Amino acid sequence: MNSPIRIGIVGYGNLGRGVETAIGLNPDMHLVGVFSRRDPGTVATAHKSTSVFSMSALYEDRDDIDVLVLCGGSRDDLPRQSPEFAARFSLVDSYDNHSHIPAHFDAVDAAASKAGTTAIISVGWDPGLFSLNRLFGEAILPEGSSYTFWGKGLSQGHSDALRRVPGVAGGVQYTLPSDEAIARVRAGDHPELSTRERHTRECYVVLAEGADPEAVRAEIVNMPDYFEPYDTTVHYISAEELARDHGGMPHGGFVIRSGNTSAGATQVIEYQLALDSNPEFTASVLVAYARAAARMSRSGDHGAKTPFDVAPGLLSPRTAAQLRAELL
């Protein structure tokens, strides 16, 4: 029997807690511990048995970690942490700023290739599983159009970016898809839809004491990549309302490919997710790809990777023979 894959969690918010829980559901994995910028004594983990270390412990000589799962934010944490830690460890991250993924890949690849580690970036459900389904759709139906709709749901990455705006004491952001646009795509139409026509964004914000509401609103709605391309509404609420009404983290969405294989033969491929907990699901995807990262690293397949580069069988705890017999 192979030794368990030894995992370290970097950062402990909602995503880190989800990774801790997901590791407990995978018998072939062992959680070494959580590594946090906070005082380890102040970090309350989901399981009392989970060890918590200072982030500085990752800079010590250690050979007890096979894969790090990075659980920081894409705006400020992962652009710095992923290349830095890829120089020492194999890892997975959930970098989700789509337009900057190529640059992030290059930075991580330079570090991982030099160090002989394996770093799988942009793991999750979008980017991640939805990316794969967009690829499948285009490869199978070369004549057609692809559409991605998100929500209604709470976006972790956008909420994290929202909370980093000066003057914001707390907040969440929801993505809402256009029902009209989805209906047109499912009907086999091939509408040309702008970013604004596909989705809107709603922000629920608790202002910091003394903050200027209009200045905060302007900073949010004009944020490049995250909010500027969309019609964004900002609602100001109390901390009590935030805790009472916005504690859950549902999300989901659709990838739809509509195409023709011959004249009059319309084919529609649809992939859907409906999630009660966005961070727990994203964490589960990260943990599956951590398994793949460990296997790829052991086989000498080093450098930066994306979900496009990972064979599906590497995600499963089953052997190749078991997969052929039981799932194929």
C-alpha atoms as a PDB file:
ATOM      1  CA  MET A   1       0.000   0.000   0.000  1.00  0.00           C
ATOM      2  CA  ASN A   2       1.330   3.443  -0.958  1.00  0.00           C
ATOM      3  CA  SER A   3       2.087   5.965   1.767  1.00  0.00           C
ATOM      4  CA  PRO A   4      -0.567   8.661   2.276  1.00  0.00           C
ATOM      5  CA  ILE A   5      -0.104  11.897   0.365  1.00  0.00           C
ATOM      6  CA  ARG A   6       1.041  14.492   2.894  1.00  0.00           C
ATOM      7  CA  ILE A   7      -0.754  17.826   2.516  1.00  0.00           C
ATOM      8  CA  GLY A   8      -0.059  21.260   3.935  1.00  0.00           C
ATOM      9  CA  ILE A   9      -2.731  23.988   3.866  1.00  0.00           C
ATOM     10  CA  VAL A  10      -1.494  27.545   3.338  1.00  0.00           C
ATOM     11  CA  GLY A  11      -3.988  30.085   4.673  1.00  0.00           C
ATOM     12  CA  TYR A  12      -7.047  29.300   6.748  1.00  0.00           C
ATOM     13  CA  GLY A  13     -10.255  31.024   5.762  1.00  0.00           C
ATOM     14  CA  ASN A  14     -13.377  29.456   4.292  1.00  0.00           C
ATOM     15  CA  LEU A  15     -11.387  27.704   1.565  1.00  0.00           C
ATOM     16  CA  GLY A  16      -8.724  26.406   3.947  1.00  0.00           C
ATOM     17  CA  ARG A  17     -11.386  25.043   6.261  1.00  0.00           C
ATOM     18  CA  GLY A  18     -12.998  23.316   3.274  1.00  0.00           C
ATOM     19  CA  VAL A  19      -9.685  21.718   2.323  1.00  0.00           C
ATOM     20  CA  GLU A  20      -9.224  20.468   5.888  1.00  0.00           C
ATOM     21  CA  THR A  21     -12.668  18.826   5.734  1.00  0.00           C
ATOM     22  CA  ALA A  22     -12.091  17.366   2.252  1.00  0.00           C
ATOM     23  CA  ILE A  23      -8.792  15.759   3.262  1.00  0.00           C
ATOM     24  CA  GLY A  24     -10.671  13.939   6.015  1.00  0.00           C
ATOM     25  CA  LEU A  25     -12.857  12.318   3.342  1.00  0.00           C
ATOM     26  CA  ASN A  26      -9.865  10.943   1.421  1.00  0.00           C
ATOM     27  CA  PRO A  27      -8.179   7.978   3.174  1.00  0.00           C
ATOM     28  CA  ASP A  28      -5.114   8.185   0.912  1.00  0.00           C
ATOM     29  CA  MET A  29      -4.235  11.638   2.312  1.00  0.00           C
ATOM     30  CA  HIS A  30      -2.717  12.923   5.534  1.00  0.00           C
ATOM     31  CA  LEU A  31      -2.957  16.536   6.717  1.00  0.00           C
ATOM     32  CA  VAL A  32       0.400  17.728   8.011  1.00  0.00           C
ATOM     33  CA  GLY A  33      -1.116  20.984   9.193  1.00  0.00           C
ATOM     34  CA  VAL A  34      -2.251  24.518   8.498  1.00  0.00           C
ATOM     35  CA  PHE A  35       0.296  27.278   7.881  1.00  0.00           C
ATOM     36  CA  SER A  36      -1.029  30.734   8.711  1.00  0.00           C
ATOM     37  CA  ARG A  37       0.134  34.345   8.893  1.00  0.00           C
ATOM     38  CA  ARG A  38      -1.901  34.639  12.086  1.00  0.00           C
ATOM     39  CA  ASP A  39      -0.684  33.606  15.502  1.00  0.00           C
ATOM     40  CA  PRO A  40      -1.164  29.799  15.432  1.00  0.00           C
ATOM     41  CA  GLY A  41      -2.752  29.962  18.871  1.00  0.00           C
ATOM     42  CA  THR A  42      -5.599  32.096  17.515  1.00  0.00           C
ATOM     43  CA  VAL A  43      -6.549  29.804  14.611  1.00  0.00           C
ATOM     44  CA  ALA A  44      -9.585  27.649  15.443  1.00  0.00           C
ATOM     45  CA  THR A  45      -9.621  24.724  13.016  1.00  0.00           C
ATOM     46  CA  ALA A  46     -12.552  22.480  12.167  1.00  0.00           C
ATOM     47  CA  HIS A  47     -10.869  19.522  13.877  1.00  0.00           C
ATOM     48  CA  LYS A  48      -9.055  19.894  17.179  1.00  0.00           C
ATOM     49  CA  SER A  49      -6.402  17.416  16.063  1.00  0.00           C
ATOM     50  CA  THR A  50      -5.259  19.664  13.182  1.00  0.00           C
ATOM     51  CA  SER A  51      -1.824  21.184  13.800  1.00  0.00           C
ATOM     52  CA  VAL A  52      -1.356  24.895  13.093  1.00  0.00           C
ATOM     53  CA  PHE A  53       2.028  26.418  12.312  1.00  0.00           C
ATOM     54  CA  SER A  54       3.347  29.874  11.585  1.00  0.00           C
ATOM     55  CA  MET A  55       3.862  30.604   7.885  1.00  0.00           C
ATOM     56  CA  SER A  56       7.566  30.951   8.627  1.00  0.00           C
ATOM     57  CA  ALA A  57       7.722  27.203   9.295  1.00  0.00           C
ATOM     58  CA  LEU A  58       7.511  26.656   5.521  1.00  0.00           C
ATOM     59  CA  TYR A  59      10.909  28.288   5.109  1.00  0.00           C
ATOM     60  CA  GLU A  60      12.603  25.739   7.340  1.00  0.00           C
ATOM     61  CA  ASP A  61      14.198  22.596   5.944  1.00  0.00           C
ATOM     62  CA  ARG A  62      11.373  20.078   5.833  1.00  0.00           C
ATOM     63  CA  ASP A  63      10.597  16.950   3.859  1.00  0.00           C
ATOM     64  CA  ASP A  64       7.254  16.038   5.439  1.00  0.00           C
ATOM     65  CA  ILE A  65       5.024  17.711   2.815  1.00  0.00           C
ATOM     66  CA  ASP A  66       4.212  16.270  -0.613  1.00  0.00           C
ATOM     67  CA  VAL A  67       1.843  19.017  -1.784  1.00  0.00           C
ATOM     68  CA  LEU A  68       0.843  22.449  -0.530  1.00  0.00           C
ATOM     69  CA  VAL A  69      -2.734  23.587  -1.123  1.00  0.00           C
ATOM     70  CA  LEU A  70      -2.698  27.386  -1.348  1.00  0.00           C
ATOM     71  CA  CYS A  71      -5.904  28.965  -0.056  1.00  0.00           C
ATOM     72  CA  GLY A  72      -5.131  32.671  -0.365  1.00  0.00           C
ATOM     73  CA  GLY A  73      -6.821  35.266  -2.559  1.00  0.00           C
ATOM     74  CA  SER A  74      -6.074  35.737  -6.250  1.00  0.00           C
ATOM     75  CA  ARG A  75      -5.730  39.487  -6.083  1.00  0.00           C
ATOM     76  CA  ASP A  76      -2.857  39.845  -3.606  1.00  0.00           C
ATOM     77  CA  ASP A  77      -1.803  36.446  -2.187  1.00  0.00           C
ATOM     78  CA  LEU A  78      -1.413  33.901  -4.974  1.00  0.00           C
ATOM     79  CA  PRO A  79       0.560  36.068  -7.441  1.00  0.00           C
ATOM     80  CA  ARG A  80       3.265  36.229  -4.782  1.00  0.00           C
ATOM     81  CA  GLN A  81       2.843  32.946  -2.929  1.00  0.00           C
ATOM     82  CA  SER A  82       2.533  30.507  -5.833  1.00  0.00           C
ATOM     83  CA  PRO A  83       5.904  31.279  -7.483  1.00  0.00           C
ATOM     84  CA  GLU A  84       7.557  31.630  -4.077  1.00  0.00           C
ATOM     85  CA  PHE A  85       6.389  28.273  -2.738  1.00  0.00           C
ATOM     86  CA  ALA A  86       6.750  26.471  -6.089  1.00  0.00           C
ATOM     87  CA  ALA A  87      10.482  26.996  -5.639  1.00  0.00           C
ATOM     88  CA  ARG A  88      10.311  24.674  -2.609  1.00  0.00           C
ATOM     89  CA  PHE A  89       7.164  22.513  -2.834  1.00  0.00           C
ATOM     90  CA  SER A  90       4.746  20.923  -5.276  1.00  0.00           C
ATOM     91  CA  LEU A  91       1.425  22.721  -4.962  1.00  0.00           C
ATOM     92  CA  VAL A  92      -2.035  23.527  -6.244  1.00  0.00           C
ATOM     93  CA  ASP A  93      -3.680  26.952  -6.258  1.00  0.00           C
ATOM     94  CA  SER A  94      -7.064  28.386  -7.219  1.00  0.00           C
ATOM     95  CA  TYR A  95      -5.896  31.505  -9.067  1.00  0.00           C
ATOM     96  CA  ASP A  96      -9.040  32.803 -10.761  1.00  0.00           C
ATOM     97  CA  ASN A  97      -8.236  36.108 -12.454  1.00  0.00           C
ATOM     98  CA  HIS A  98      -8.880  34.724 -15.946  1.00  0.00           C
ATOM     99  CA  SER A  99      -7.188  37.459 -17.965  1.00  0.00           C
ATOM    100  CA  HIS A 100      -3.962  37.196 -15.942  1.00  0.00           C
ATOM    101  CA  ILE A 101      -3.668  33.380 -15.916  1.00  0.00           C
ATOM    102  CA  PRO A 102      -1.018  33.255 -18.699  1.00  0.00           C
ATOM    103  CA  ALA A 103       1.273  35.621 -16.785  1.00  0.00           C
ATOM    104  CA  HIS A 104       0.651  33.736 -13.522  1.00  0.00           C
ATOM    105  CA  PHE A 105       1.446  30.458 -15.274  1.00  0.00           C
ATOM    106  CA  ASP A 106       4.748  31.810 -16.608  1.00  0.00           C
ATOM    107  CA  ALA A 107       5.830  33.059 -13.182  1.00  0.00           C
ATOM    108  CA  VAL A 108       4.989  29.758 -11.478  1.00  0.00           C
ATOM    109  CA  ASP A 109       6.479  27.673 -14.285  1.00  0.00           C
ATOM    110  CA  ALA A 110       9.829  29.459 -14.030  1.00  0.00           C
ATOM    111  CA  ALA A 111      10.050  28.660 -10.320  1.00  0.00           C
ATOM    112  CA  ALA A 112       8.714  25.084 -10.493  1.00  0.00           C
ATOM    113  CA  SER A 113      10.771  24.051 -13.508  1.00  0.00           C
ATOM    114  CA  LYS A 114      13.970  25.278 -11.881  1.00  0.00           C
ATOM    115  CA  ALA A 115      13.159  23.580  -8.565  1.00  0.00           C
ATOM    116  CA  GLY A 116      11.849  20.306  -9.995  1.00  0.00           C
ATOM    117  CA  THR A 117       8.404  20.671  -8.417  1.00  0.00           C
ATOM    118  CA  THR A 118       4.908  20.308  -9.863  1.00  0.00           C
ATOM    119  CA  ALA A 119       2.513  23.253  -9.517  1.00  0.00           C
ATOM    120  CA  ILE A 120      -1.060  22.962 -10.810  1.00  0.00           C
ATOM    121  CA  ILE A 121      -2.615  26.427 -11.041  1.00  0.00           C
ATOM    122  CA  SER A 122      -6.146  27.748 -11.526  1.00  0.00           C
ATOM    123  CA  VAL A 123      -7.818  24.712  -9.994  1.00  0.00           C
ATOM    124  CA  GLY A 124     -11.473  24.929  -8.983  1.00  0.00           C
ATOM    125  CA  TRP A 125     -14.692  25.005 -10.922  1.00  0.00           C
ATOM    126  CA  ASP A 126     -14.121  28.171 -12.943  1.00  0.00           C
ATOM    127  CA  PRO A 127     -11.354  28.242 -13.847  1.00  0.00           C
ATOM    128  CA  GLY A 128     -11.073  24.483 -13.574  1.00  0.00           C
ATOM    129  CA  LEU A 129     -13.989  22.148 -14.271  1.00  0.00           C
ATOM    130  CA  PHE A 130     -15.835  24.717 -16.398  1.00  0.00           C
ATOM    131  CA  SER A 131     -12.623  25.280 -18.385  1.00  0.00           C
ATOM    132  CA  LEU A 132     -12.496  21.570 -19.199  1.00  0.00           C
ATOM    133  CA  ASN A 133     -16.121  21.541 -20.284  1.00  0.00           C
ATOM    134  CA  ARG A 134     -15.551  24.543 -22.550  1.00  0.00           C
ATOM    135  CA  LEU A 135     -12.653  22.614 -24.107  1.00  0.00           C
ATOM    136  CA  PHE A 136     -14.741  19.450 -24.553  1.00  0.00           C
ATOM    137  CA  GLY A 137     -17.574  21.407 -26.141  1.00  0.00           C
ATOM    138  CA  GLU A 138     -15.361  23.167 -28.667  1.00  0.00           C
ATOM    139  CA  ALA A 139     -13.435  20.008 -29.541  1.00  0.00           C
ATOM    140  CA  ILE A 140     -16.595  17.933 -30.053  1.00  0.00           C
ATOM    141  CA  LEU A 141     -18.695  20.628 -31.772  1.00  0.00           C
ATOM    142  CA  PRO A 142     -16.220  22.720 -33.763  1.00  0.00           C
ATOM    143  CA  GLU A 143     -19.080  24.558 -35.475  1.00  0.00           C
ATOM    144  CA  GLY A 144     -20.915  26.362 -32.693  1.00  0.00           C
ATOM    145  CA  SER A 145     -20.784  28.795 -29.815  1.00  0.00           C
ATOM    146  CA  SER A 146     -19.851  28.409 -26.150  1.00  0.00           C
ATOM    147  CA  TYR A 147     -21.508  30.206 -23.252  1.00  0.00           C
ATOM    148  CA  THR A 148     -20.688  30.297 -19.554  1.00  0.00           C
ATOM    149  CA  PHE A 149     -23.148  31.548 -16.955  1.00  0.00           C
ATOM    150  CA  TRP A 150     -22.341  31.890 -13.249  1.00  0.00           C
ATOM    151  CA  GLY A 151     -24.734  32.038 -10.319  1.00  0.00           C
ATOM    152  CA  LYS A 152     -26.840  33.030  -8.761  1.00  0.00           C
ATOM    153  CA  GLY A 153     -24.150  32.728  -6.189  1.00  0.00           C
ATOM    154  CA  LEU A 154     -21.568  34.212  -3.902  1.00  0.00           C
ATOM    155  CA  SER A 155     -18.161  34.587  -5.521  1.00  0.00           C
ATOM    156  CA  GLN A 156     -15.226  33.996  -3.165  1.00  0.00           C
ATOM    157  CA  GLY A 157     -12.623  35.716  -5.331  1.00  0.00           C
ATOM    158  CA  HIS A 158     -14.756  38.773  -6.033  1.00  0.00           C
ATOM    159  CA  SER A 159     -15.856  38.994  -2.404  1.00  0.00           C
ATOM    160  CA  ASP A 160     -12.217  38.873  -1.336  1.00  0.00           C
ATOM    161  CA  ALA A 161     -11.368  41.692  -3.779  1.00  0.00           C
ATOM    162  CA  LEU A 162     -14.365  43.657  -2.496  1.00  0.00           C
ATOM    163  CA  ARG A 163     -13.253  43.383   1.132  1.00  0.00           C
ATOM    164  CA  ARG A 164      -9.813  44.760   0.258  1.00  0.00           C
ATOM    165  CA  VAL A 165     -11.247  48.061  -0.965  1.00  0.00           C
ATOM    166  CA  PRO A 166     -10.325  50.881   1.462  1.00  0.00           C
ATOM    167  CA  GLY A 167     -13.360  51.784   3.546  1.00  0.00           C
ATOM    168  CA  VAL A 168     -14.963  48.321   3.376  1.00  0.00           C
ATOM    169  CA  ALA A 169     -15.284  46.651   6.775  1.00  0.00           C
ATOM    170  CA  GLY A 170     -17.043  43.565   5.402  1.00  0.00           C
ATOM    171  CA  GLY A 171     -18.995  42.429   2.411  1.00  0.00           C
ATOM    172  CA  VAL A 172     -19.949  39.817  -0.153  1.00  0.00           C
ATOM    173  CA  GLN A 173     -20.590  39.835  -3.884  1.00  0.00           C
ATOM    174  CA  TYR A 174     -23.209  37.846  -5.797  1.00  0.00           C
ATOM    175  CA  THR A 175     -23.164  37.031  -9.500  1.00  0.00           C
ATOM    176  CA  LEU A 176     -26.559  36.839 -11.217  1.00  0.00           C
ATOM    177  CA  PRO A 177     -27.002  35.284 -14.687  1.00  0.00           C
ATOM    178  CA  SER A 178     -29.536  36.539 -17.209  1.00  0.00           C
ATOM    179  CA  ASP A 179     -32.448  34.083 -17.465  1.00  0.00           C
ATOM    180  CA  GLU A 180     -33.329  35.493 -20.890  1.00  0.00           C
ATOM    181  CA  ALA A 181     -29.827  34.889 -22.217  1.00  0.00           C
ATOM    182  CA  ILE A 182     -29.765  31.300 -20.899  1.00  0.00           C
ATOM    183  CA  ALA A 183     -33.123  30.529 -22.542  1.00  0.00           C
ATOM    184  CA  ARG A 184     -31.902  31.803 -25.921  1.00  0.00           C
ATOM    185  CA  VAL A 185     -28.775  29.645 -25.754  1.00  0.00           C
ATOM    186  CA  ARG A 186     -30.653  26.500 -24.688  1.00  0.00           C
ATOM    187  CA  ALA A 187     -33.026  26.976 -27.614  1.00  0.00           C
ATOM    188  CA  GLY A 188     -30.105  26.513 -29.995  1.00  0.00           C
ATOM    189  CA  ASP A 189     -29.753  30.167 -30.924  1.00  0.00           C
ATOM    190  CA  HIS A 190     -26.269  31.567 -31.210  1.00  0.00           C
ATOM    191  CA  PRO A 191     -26.713  35.020 -29.702  1.00  0.00           C
ATOM    192  CA  GLU A 192     -23.811  37.442 -29.485  1.00  0.00           C
ATOM    193  CA  LEU A 193     -23.896  38.401 -25.823  1.00  0.00           C
ATOM    194  CA  SER A 194     -21.754  41.067 -24.250  1.00  0.00           C
ATOM    195  CA  THR A 195     -20.335  40.623 -20.751  1.00  0.00           C
ATOM    196  CA  ARG A 196     -22.989  42.981 -19.396  1.00  0.00           C
ATOM    197  CA  GLU A 197     -25.773  41.066 -21.144  1.00  0.00           C
ATOM    198  CA  ARG A 198     -24.805  37.762 -19.531  1.00  0.00           C
ATOM    199  CA  HIS A 199     -24.477  38.761 -15.867  1.00  0.00           C
ATOM    200  CA  THR A 200     -24.900  41.449 -13.288  1.00  0.00           C
ATOM    201  CA  ARG A 201     -23.091  41.776  -9.950  1.00  0.00           C
ATOM    202  CA  GLU A 202     -24.558  42.757  -6.590  1.00  0.00           C
ATOM    203  CA  CYS A 203     -22.375  43.809  -3.647  1.00  0.00           C
ATOM    204  CA  TYR A 204     -23.503  43.961  -0.025  1.00  0.00           C
ATOM    205  CA  VAL A 205     -21.061  46.121   1.902  1.00  0.00           C
ATOM    206  CA  VAL A 206     -20.501  47.107   5.517  1.00  0.00           C
ATOM    207  CA  LEU A 207     -18.744  50.474   5.571  1.00  0.00           C
ATOM    208  CA  ALA A 208     -15.808  51.127   7.873  1.00  0.00           C
ATOM    209  CA  GLU A 209     -16.329  53.934  10.347  1.00  0.00           C
ATOM    210  CA  GLY A 210     -15.853  57.306   8.668  1.00  0.00           C
ATOM    211  CA  ALA A 211     -15.685  55.883   5.123  1.00  0.00           C
ATOM    212  CA  ASP A 212     -17.171  57.910   2.259  1.00  0.00           C
ATOM    213  CA  PRO A 213     -19.957  55.798   0.684  1.00  0.00           C
ATOM    214  CA  GLU A 214     -19.621  57.376  -2.762  1.00  0.00           C
ATOM    215  CA  ALA A 215     -15.840  56.975  -2.816  1.00  0.00           C
ATOM    216  CA  VAL A 216     -16.164  53.315  -1.831  1.00  0.00           C
ATOM    217  CA  ARG A 217     -18.866  52.746  -4.454  1.00  0.00           C
ATOM    218  CA  ALA A 218     -16.706  54.318  -7.161  1.00  0.00           C
ATOM    219  CA  GLU A 219     -13.685  52.220  -6.151  1.00  0.00           C
ATOM    220  CA  ILE A 220     -15.768  49.028  -6.385  1.00  0.00           C
ATOM    221  CA  VAL A 221     -17.646  49.584  -9.636  1.00  0.00           C
ATOM    222  CA  ASN A 222     -14.511  50.790 -11.457  1.00  0.00           C
ATOM    223  CA  MET A 223     -12.251  47.910 -10.335  1.00  0.00           C
ATOM    224  CA  PRO A 224     -10.701  46.447 -13.518  1.00  0.00           C
ATOM    225  CA  ASP A 225     -11.399  42.776 -14.322  1.00  0.00           C
ATOM    226  CA  TYR A 226     -13.583  42.240 -11.247  1.00  0.00           C
ATOM    227  CA  PHE A 227     -16.434  44.774 -11.451  1.00  0.00           C
ATOM    228  CA  GLU A 228     -15.853  47.337 -14.208  1.00  0.00           C
ATOM    229  CA  PRO A 229     -17.017  45.070 -17.091  1.00  0.00           C
ATOM    230  CA  TYR A 230     -20.404  44.469 -15.407  1.00  0.00           C
ATOM    231  CA  ASP A 231     -23.442  46.408 -14.252  1.00  0.00           C
ATOM    232  CA  THR A 232     -22.602  46.414 -10.543  1.00  0.00           C
ATOM    233  CA  THR A 233     -24.936  47.471  -7.740  1.00  0.00           C
ATOM    234  CA  VAL A 234     -23.597  48.293  -4.278  1.00  0.00           C
ATOM    235  CA  HIS A 235     -25.920  47.941  -1.272  1.00  0.00           C
ATOM    236  CA  TYR A 236     -24.818  49.244   2.127  1.00  0.00           C
ATOM    237  CA  ILE A 237     -25.924  47.128   5.075  1.00  0.00           C
ATOM    238  CA  SER A 238     -25.071  46.699   8.739  1.00  0.00           C
ATOM    239  CA  ALA A 239     -22.668  44.122  10.136  1.00  0.00           C
ATOM    240  CA  GLU A 240     -25.671  42.426  11.753  1.00  0.00           C
ATOM    241  CA  GLU A 241     -27.448  42.150   8.391  1.00  0.00           C
ATOM    242  CA  LEU A 242     -24.297  40.759   6.773  1.00  0.00           C
ATOM    243  CA  ALA A 243     -24.003  38.042   9.419  1.00  0.00           C
ATOM    244  CA  ARG A 244     -27.723  37.257   9.427  1.00  0.00           C
ATOM    245  CA  ASP A 245     -28.517  37.274   5.700  1.00  0.00           C
ATOM    246  CA  HIS A 246     -25.270  36.517   3.901  1.00  0.00           C
ATOM    247  CA  GLY A 247     -23.534  33.785   5.887  1.00  0.00           C
ATOM    248  CA  GLY A 248     -24.204  31.026   3.368  1.00  0.00           C
ATOM    249  CA  MET A 249     -22.041  30.537   0.305  1.00  0.00           C
ATOM    250  CA  PRO A 250     -24.166  29.047  -2.487  1.00  0.00           C
ATOM    251  CA  HIS A 251     -23.045  29.193  -6.093  1.00  0.00           C
ATOM    252  CA  GLY A 252     -23.194  27.320  -9.367  1.00  0.00           C
ATOM    253  CA  GLY A 253     -23.619  27.888 -13.050  1.00  0.00           C
ATOM    254  CA  PHE A 254     -23.724  26.454 -16.533  1.00  0.00           C
ATOM    255  CA  VAL A 255     -21.421  25.800 -19.464  1.00  0.00           C
ATOM    256  CA  ILE A 256     -23.390  25.413 -22.676  1.00  0.00           C
ATOM    257  CA  ARG A 257     -22.063  24.573 -26.131  1.00  0.00           C
ATOM    258  CA  SER A 258     -24.573  24.857 -28.964  1.00  0.00           C
ATOM    259  CA  GLY A 259     -23.492  23.639 -32.386  1.00  0.00           C
ATOM    260  CA  ASN A 260     -24.380  21.805 -35.573  1.00  0.00           C
ATOM    261  CA  THR A 261     -22.947  18.532 -36.842  1.00  0.00           C
ATOM    262  CA  SER A 262     -24.800  18.813 -40.144  1.00  0.00           C
ATOM    263  CA  ALA A 263     -27.478  20.979 -41.706  1.00  0.00           C
ATOM    264  CA  GLY A 264     -30.528  20.830 -39.454  1.00  0.00           C
ATOM    265  CA  ALA A 265     -28.827  18.750 -36.751  1.00  0.00           C
ATOM    266  CA  THR A 266     -28.484  21.010 -33.715  1.00  0.00           C
ATOM    267  CA  GLN A 267     -26.554  19.603 -30.756  1.00  0.00           C
ATOM    268  CA  VAL A 268     -26.454  21.185 -27.282  1.00  0.00           C
ATOM    269  CA  ILE A 269     -24.022  20.165 -24.545  1.00  0.00           C
ATOM    270  CA  GLU A 270     -24.746  21.473 -21.048  1.00  0.00           C
ATOM    271  CA  TYR A 271     -22.817  21.065 -17.815  1.00  0.00           C
ATOM    272  CA  GLN A 272     -24.322  22.407 -14.585  1.00  0.00           C
ATOM    273  CA  LEU A 273     -23.225  22.864 -10.990  1.00  0.00           C
ATOM    274  CA  ALA A 274     -25.587  23.649  -8.095  1.00  0.00           C
ATOM    275  CA  LEU A 275     -23.592  24.190  -4.917  1.00  0.00           C
ATOM    276  CA  ASP A 276     -24.715  24.701  -1.338  1.00  0.00           C
ATOM    277  CA  SER A 277     -21.165  25.676  -0.371  1.00  0.00           C
ATOM    278  CA  ASN A 278     -18.873  27.256  -2.923  1.00  0.00           C
ATOM    279  CA  PRO A 279     -15.709  27.045  -0.746  1.00  0.00           C
ATOM    280  CA  GLU A 280     -16.298  23.418   0.252  1.00  0.00           C
ATOM    281  CA  PHE A 281     -16.788  22.375  -3.367  1.00  0.00           C
ATOM    282  CA  THR A 282     -13.780  24.361  -4.574  1.00  0.00           C
ATOM    283  CA  ALA A 283     -11.750  22.807  -1.759  1.00  0.00           C
ATOM    284  CA  SER A 284     -12.821  19.330  -2.887  1.00  0.00           C
ATOM    285  CA  VAL A 285     -11.572  20.063  -6.406  1.00  0.00           C
ATOM    286  CA  LEU A 286      -8.263  21.356  -5.027  1.00  0.00           C
ATOM    287  CA  VAL A 287      -7.780  18.184  -2.987  1.00  0.00           C
ATOM    288  CA  ALA A 288      -8.391  15.939  -6.012  1.00  0.00           C
ATOM    289  CA  TYR A 289      -5.802  17.915  -7.981  1.00  0.00           C
ATOM    290  CA  ALA A 290      -3.395  17.727  -5.040  1.00  0.00           C
ATOM    291  CA  ARG A 291      -3.475  13.960  -5.543  1.00  0.00           C
ATOM    292  CA  ALA A 292      -2.624  14.482  -9.210  1.00  0.00           C
ATOM    293  CA  ALA A 293       0.185  16.894  -8.323  1.00  0.00           C
ATOM    294  CA  ALA A 294       1.756  14.340  -5.991  1.00  0.00           C
ATOM    295  CA  ARG A 295       1.581  11.606  -8.632  1.00  0.00           C
ATOM    296  CA  MET A 296       2.943  13.842 -11.394  1.00  0.00           C
ATOM    297  CA  SER A 297       5.777  15.023  -9.178  1.00  0.00           C
ATOM    298  CA  ARG A 298       6.737  11.451  -8.289  1.00  0.00           C
ATOM    299  CA  SER A 299       6.823  10.548 -11.987  1.00  0.00           C
ATOM    300  CA  GLY A 300       9.092  13.509 -12.805  1.00  0.00           C
ATOM    301  CA  ASP A 301       6.448  15.589 -14.610  1.00  0.00           C
ATOM    302  CA  HIS A 302       7.522  18.961 -13.236  1.00  0.00           C
ATOM    303  CA  GLY A 303       6.792  22.627 -13.917  1.00  0.00           C
ATOM    304  CA  ALA A 304       3.538  24.562 -13.903  1.00  0.00           C
ATOM    305  CA  LYS A 305       0.395  22.802 -15.096  1.00  0.00           C
ATOM    306  CA  THR A 306      -3.268  23.675 -15.532  1.00  0.00           C
ATOM    307  CA  PRO A 307      -6.308  21.360 -15.447  1.00  0.00           C
ATOM    308  CA  PHE A 308      -5.850  20.969 -19.221  1.00  0.00           C
ATOM    309  CA  ASP A 309      -2.571  19.142 -18.575  1.00  0.00           C
ATOM    310  CA  VAL A 310      -3.820  16.641 -15.990  1.00  0.00           C
ATOM    311  CA  ALA A 311      -5.140  13.236 -17.066  1.00  0.00           C
ATOM    312  CA  PRO A 312      -8.522  12.599 -15.373  1.00  0.00           C
ATOM    313  CA  GLY A 313      -7.382   9.271 -13.973  1.00  0.00           C
ATOM    314  CA  LEU A 314      -4.767  11.024 -11.842  1.00  0.00           C
ATOM    315  CA  LEU A 315      -7.523  12.706  -9.834  1.00  0.00           C
ATOM    316  CA  SER A 316      -9.012   9.448  -8.598  1.00  0.00           C
ATOM    317  CA  PRO A 317      -7.741   7.365  -5.671  1.00  0.00           C
ATOM    318  CA  ARG A 318      -8.545   4.262  -7.725  1.00  0.00           C
ATOM    319  CA  THR A 319      -5.911   2.508  -9.802  1.00  0.00           C
ATOM    320  CA  ALA A 320      -5.987   2.610 -13.594  1.00  0.00           C
ATOM    321  CA  ALA A 321      -7.161  -1.029 -13.615  1.00  0.00           C
ATOM    322  CA  GLN A 322      -9.989  -0.224 -11.211  1.00  0.00           C
ATOM    323  CA  LEU A 323     -11.083   2.735 -13.307  1.00  0.00           C
ATOM    324  CA  ARG A 324     -11.206   0.614 -16.449  1.00  0.00           C
ATOM    325  CA  ALA A 325     -13.238  -2.079 -14.715  1.00  0.00           C
ATOM    326  CA  GLU A 326     -15.570   0.087 -12.640  1.00  0.00           C
ATOM    327  CA  LEU A 327     -16.108   3.440 -14.365  1.00  0.00           C
ATOM    328  CA  LEU A 328     -15.296   3.041 -18.051  1.00  0.00           C
END
